[in-house]
Amino acid sequence: MSPRKLAAALTLWVLSLTVLHVSLNVRWDDVVNEWRPESERKLNVAYIPVT
C-alpha cells in the first residue's frame, strides 16, 4: 500500500469514527434548545431519586 493510500485510509477512518462518536454521544435536543430564543426554550429539570 502506498503512503498516499494509507494516509487517505487513515483519514477516512478517523473521520468516520469522529462522525459516529458525535452522532451517538451528543444530546442534539439540548444543543438545539440552546440555539432557540429564551421564550421558546424548554426547561429541562433533573431530579434526584430519594429512597
PDB file of N, CA and C in Angstrom:
ATOM      1  N   MET A   1       0.853  -1.173   0.000  1.00  0.00           N
ATOM      2  CA  MET A   1       0.000   0.000   0.000  1.00  0.00           C
ATOM      3  C   MET A   1       0.904   1.243   0.000  1.00  0.00           C
ATOM      4  N   SER A   2       0.609   2.142  -0.883  1.00  0.00           N
ATOM      5  CA  SER A   2       1.431   3.349  -0.983  1.00  0.00           C
ATOM      6  C   SER A   2       1.136   4.277   0.204  1.00  0.00           C
ATOM      7  N   PRO A   3       2.087   5.125   0.529  1.00  0.00           N
ATOM      8  CA  PRO A   3       1.878   6.053   1.654  1.00  0.00           C
ATOM      9  C   PRO A   3       0.669   6.970   1.444  1.00  0.00           C
ATOM     10  N   ARG A   4       0.414   7.333   0.212  1.00  0.00           N
ATOM     11  CA  ARG A   4      -0.726   8.215  -0.064  1.00  0.00           C
ATOM     12  C   ARG A   4      -2.053   7.500   0.204  1.00  0.00           C
ATOM     13  N   LYS A   5      -2.148   6.235  -0.201  1.00  0.00           N
ATOM     14  CA  LYS A   5      -3.371   5.464   0.052  1.00  0.00           C
ATOM     15  C   LYS A   5      -3.543   5.198   1.540  1.00  0.00           C
ATOM     16  N   LEU A   6      -2.451   4.946   2.219  1.00  0.00           N
ATOM     17  CA  LEU A   6      -2.503   4.711   3.655  1.00  0.00           C
ATOM     18  C   LEU A   6      -2.984   5.965   4.398  1.00  0.00           C
ATOM     19  N   ALA A   7      -2.462   7.113   4.013  1.00  0.00           N
ATOM     20  CA  ALA A   7      -2.887   8.370   4.634  1.00  0.00           C
ATOM     21  C   ALA A   7      -4.363   8.629   4.355  1.00  0.00           C
ATOM     22  N   ALA A   8      -4.814   8.357   3.152  1.00  0.00           N
ATOM     23  CA  ALA A   8      -6.224   8.553   2.814  1.00  0.00           C
ATOM     24  C   ALA A   8      -7.108   7.604   3.616  1.00  0.00           C
ATOM     25  N   ALA A   9      -6.680   6.352   3.755  1.00  0.00           N
ATOM     26  CA  ALA A   9      -7.459   5.372   4.515  1.00  0.00           C
ATOM     27  C   ALA A   9      -7.529   5.756   5.997  1.00  0.00           C
ATOM     28  N   LEU A  10      -6.416   6.203   6.551  1.00  0.00           N
ATOM     29  CA  LEU A  10      -6.398   6.625   7.954  1.00  0.00           C
ATOM     30  C   LEU A  10      -7.270   7.862   8.176  1.00  0.00           C
ATOM     31  N   THR A  11      -7.220   8.793   7.251  1.00  0.00           N
ATOM     32  CA  THR A  11      -8.050   9.987   7.364  1.00  0.00           C
ATOM     33  C   THR A  11      -9.522   9.625   7.306  1.00  0.00           C
ATOM     34  N   LEU A  12      -9.892   8.758   6.384  1.00  0.00           N
ATOM     35  CA  LEU A  12     -11.281   8.321   6.274  1.00  0.00           C
ATOM     36  C   LEU A  12     -11.725   7.589   7.542  1.00  0.00           C
ATOM     37  N   TRP A  13     -10.871   6.752   8.099  1.00  0.00           N
ATOM     38  CA  TRP A  13     -11.184   6.013   9.317  1.00  0.00           C
ATOM     39  C   TRP A  13     -11.402   6.964  10.498  1.00  0.00           C
ATOM     40  N   VAL A  14     -10.517   7.928  10.664  1.00  0.00           N
ATOM     41  CA  VAL A  14     -10.638   8.868  11.779  1.00  0.00           C
ATOM     42  C   VAL A  14     -11.897   9.721  11.615  1.00  0.00           C
ATOM     43  N   LEU A  15     -12.178  10.187  10.420  1.00  0.00           N
ATOM     44  CA  LEU A  15     -13.388  10.979  10.192  1.00  0.00           C
ATOM     45  C   LEU A  15     -14.648  10.157  10.442  1.00  0.00           C
ATOM     46  N   SER A  16     -14.633   8.895  10.026  1.00  0.00           N
ATOM     47  CA  SER A  16     -15.789   8.026  10.253  1.00  0.00           C
ATOM     48  C   SER A  16     -16.037   7.828  11.747  1.00  0.00           C
ATOM     49  N   LEU A  17     -14.992   7.564  12.494  1.00  0.00           N
ATOM     50  CA  LEU A  17     -15.138   7.381  13.939  1.00  0.00           C
ATOM     51  C   LEU A  17     -15.597   8.668  14.621  1.00  0.00           C
ATOM     52  N   THR A  18     -15.099   9.789  14.159  1.00  0.00           N
ATOM     53  CA  THR A  18     -15.488  11.071  14.749  1.00  0.00           C
ATOM     54  C   THR A  18     -16.968  11.346  14.511  1.00  0.00           C
ATOM     55  N   VAL A  19     -17.427  11.137  13.298  1.00  0.00           N
ATOM     56  CA  VAL A  19     -18.842  11.368  12.977  1.00  0.00           C
ATOM     57  C   VAL A  19     -19.721  10.411  13.776  1.00  0.00           C
ATOM     58  N   LEU A  20     -19.338   9.154  13.866  1.00  0.00           N
ATOM     59  CA  LEU A  20     -20.107   8.180  14.631  1.00  0.00           C
ATOM     60  C   LEU A  20     -20.152   8.563  16.110  1.00  0.00           C
ATOM     61  N   HIS A  21     -19.021   8.964  16.660  1.00  0.00           N
ATOM     62  CA  HIS A  21     -18.966   9.361  18.064  1.00  0.00           C
ATOM     63  C   HIS A  21     -19.874  10.563  18.333  1.00  0.00           C
ATOM     64  N   VAL A  22     -19.778  11.575  17.492  1.00  0.00           N
ATOM     65  CA  VAL A  22     -20.581  12.779  17.702  1.00  0.00           C
ATOM     66  C   VAL A  22     -22.064  12.478  17.549  1.00  0.00           C
ATOM     67  N   SER A  23     -22.425  11.676  16.558  1.00  0.00           N
ATOM     68  CA  SER A  23     -23.847  11.397  16.337  1.00  0.00           C
ATOM     69  C   SER A  23     -24.447  10.567  17.470  1.00  0.00           C
ATOM     70  N   LEU A  24     -23.663   9.713  18.096  1.00  0.00           N
ATOM     71  CA  LEU A  24     -24.189   8.859  19.153  1.00  0.00           C
ATOM     72  C   LEU A  24     -24.094   9.479  20.550  1.00  0.00           C
ATOM     73  N   ASN A  25     -23.144  10.367  20.786  1.00  0.00           N
ATOM     74  CA  ASN A  25     -22.879  10.822  22.145  1.00  0.00           C
ATOM     75  C   ASN A  25     -23.269  12.261  22.443  1.00  0.00           C
ATOM     76  N   VAL A  26     -23.739  12.990  21.462  1.00  0.00           N
ATOM     77  CA  VAL A  26     -24.164  14.365  21.708  1.00  0.00           C
ATOM     78  C   VAL A  26     -25.680  14.386  21.828  1.00  0.00           C
ATOM     79  N   ARG A  27     -26.178  15.044  22.850  1.00  0.00           N
ATOM     80  CA  ARG A  27     -27.630  15.182  23.017  1.00  0.00           C
ATOM     81  C   ARG A  27     -28.073  16.365  22.178  1.00  0.00           C
ATOM     82  N   TRP A  28     -28.506  16.067  20.949  1.00  0.00           N
ATOM     83  CA  TRP A  28     -28.811  17.107  19.980  1.00  0.00           C
ATOM     84  C   TRP A  28     -30.011  17.951  20.390  1.00  0.00           C
ATOM     85  N   ASP A  29     -30.953  17.390  21.145  1.00  0.00           N
ATOM     86  CA  ASP A  29     -32.086  18.197  21.579  1.00  0.00           C
ATOM     87  C   ASP A  29     -31.641  19.310  22.530  1.00  0.00           C
ATOM     88  N   ASP A  30     -30.621  19.055  23.345  1.00  0.00           N
ATOM     89  CA  ASP A  30     -30.089  20.106  24.223  1.00  0.00           C
ATOM     90  C   ASP A  30     -29.344  21.172  23.431  1.00  0.00           C
ATOM     91  N   VAL A  31     -28.622  20.759  22.409  1.00  0.00           N
ATOM     92  CA  VAL A  31     -27.899  21.713  21.579  1.00  0.00           C
ATOM     93  C   VAL A  31     -28.877  22.634  20.859  1.00  0.00           C
ATOM     94  N   VAL A  32     -29.914  22.045  20.275  1.00  0.00           N
ATOM     95  CA  VAL A  32     -30.913  22.840  19.562  1.00  0.00           C
ATOM     96  C   VAL A  32     -31.648  23.760  20.531  1.00  0.00           C
ATOM     97  N   ASN A  33     -31.905  23.277  21.723  1.00  0.00           N
ATOM     98  CA  ASN A  33     -32.588  24.084  22.731  1.00  0.00           C
ATOM     99  C   ASN A  33     -31.776  25.338  23.080  1.00  0.00           C
ATOM    100  N   GLU A  34     -30.477  25.225  23.112  1.00  0.00           N
ATOM    101  CA  GLU A  34     -29.626  26.379  23.419  1.00  0.00           C
ATOM    102  C   GLU A  34     -29.671  27.429  22.318  1.00  0.00           C
ATOM    103  N   TRP A  35     -29.935  27.024  21.089  1.00  0.00           N
ATOM    104  CA  TRP A  35     -29.967  27.960  19.962  1.00  0.00           C
ATOM    105  C   TRP A  35     -31.286  28.725  19.877  1.00  0.00           C
ATOM    106  N   ARG A  36     -32.320  28.234  20.524  1.00  0.00           N
ATOM    107  CA  ARG A  36     -33.633  28.879  20.454  1.00  0.00           C
ATOM    108  C   ARG A  36     -33.655  30.168  21.267  1.00  0.00           C
ATOM    109  N   PRO A  37     -34.567  31.075  20.910  1.00  0.00           N
ATOM    110  CA  PRO A  37     -34.725  32.265  21.759  1.00  0.00           C
ATOM    111  C   PRO A  37     -35.210  31.849  23.150  1.00  0.00           C
ATOM    112  N   GLU A  38     -34.944  32.654  24.128  1.00  0.00           N
ATOM    113  CA  GLU A  38     -35.252  32.282  25.508  1.00  0.00           C
ATOM    114  C   GLU A  38     -36.739  32.009  25.734  1.00  0.00           C
ATOM    115  N   SER A  39     -37.592  32.678  24.984  1.00  0.00           N
ATOM    116  CA  SER A  39     -39.038  32.484  25.157  1.00  0.00           C
ATOM    117  C   SER A  39     -39.519  31.128  24.629  1.00  0.00           C
ATOM    118  N   GLU A  40     -38.737  30.486  23.752  1.00  0.00           N
ATOM    119  CA  GLU A  40     -39.144  29.210  23.166  1.00  0.00           C
ATOM    120  C   GLU A  40     -38.404  28.007  23.751  1.00  0.00           C
ATOM    121  N   ARG A  41     -37.464  28.256  24.640  1.00  0.00           N
ATOM    122  CA  ARG A  41     -36.672  27.153  25.196  1.00  0.00           C
ATOM    123  C   ARG A  41     -37.506  26.277  26.111  1.00  0.00           C
ATOM    124  N   LYS A  42     -37.150  25.012  26.147  1.00  0.00           N
ATOM    125  CA  LYS A  42     -37.784  24.082  27.076  1.00  0.00           C
ATOM    126  C   LYS A  42     -36.929  24.021  28.338  1.00  0.00           C
ATOM    127  N   LEU A  43     -37.584  23.943  29.464  1.00  0.00           N
ATOM    128  CA  LEU A  43     -36.880  23.849  30.729  1.00  0.00           C
ATOM    129  C   LEU A  43     -36.639  22.380  31.038  1.00  0.00           C
ATOM    130  N   ASN A  44     -35.384  21.993  31.108  1.00  0.00           N
ATOM    131  CA  ASN A  44     -35.021  20.621  31.436  1.00  0.00           C
ATOM    132  C   ASN A  44     -34.695  20.575  32.929  1.00  0.00           C
ATOM    133  N   VAL A  45     -35.535  19.889  33.682  1.00  0.00           N
ATOM    134  CA  VAL A  45     -35.363  19.803  35.124  1.00  0.00           C
ATOM    135  C   VAL A  45     -34.921  18.384  35.457  1.00  0.00           C
ATOM    136  N   ALA A  46     -33.809  18.291  36.122  1.00  0.00           N
ATOM    137  CA  ALA A  46     -33.325  16.984  36.546  1.00  0.00           C
ATOM    138  C   ALA A  46     -33.895  16.671  37.920  1.00  0.00           C
ATOM    139  N   TYR A  47     -33.891  15.417  38.277  1.00  0.00           N
ATOM    140  CA  TYR A  47     -34.409  15.028  39.590  1.00  0.00           C
ATOM    141  C   TYR A  47     -33.382  14.146  40.280  1.00  0.00           C
ATOM    142  N   ILE A  48     -33.443  14.148  41.575  1.00  0.00           N
ATOM    143  CA  ILE A  48     -32.574  13.285  42.382  1.00  0.00           C
ATOM    144  C   ILE A  48     -33.471  12.242  43.023  1.00  0.00           C
ATOM    145  N   PRO A  49     -33.277  10.993  42.669  1.00  0.00           N
ATOM    146  CA  PRO A  49     -34.119   9.965  43.290  1.00  0.00           C
ATOM    147  C   PRO A  49     -33.771   9.825  44.783  1.00  0.00           C
ATOM    148  N   VAL A  50     -34.788   9.819  45.584  1.00  0.00           N
ATOM    149  CA  VAL A  50     -34.600   9.717  47.027  1.00  0.00           C
ATOM    150  C   VAL A  50     -35.236   8.417  47.491  1.00  0.00           C
ATOM    151  N   THR A  51     -34.468   7.649  48.213  1.00  0.00           N
ATOM    152  CA  THR A  51     -35.018   6.378  48.714  1.00  0.00           C
ATOM    153  C   THR A  51     -34.936   6.328  50.225  1.00  0.00           C
TER     154      THR A  51
END
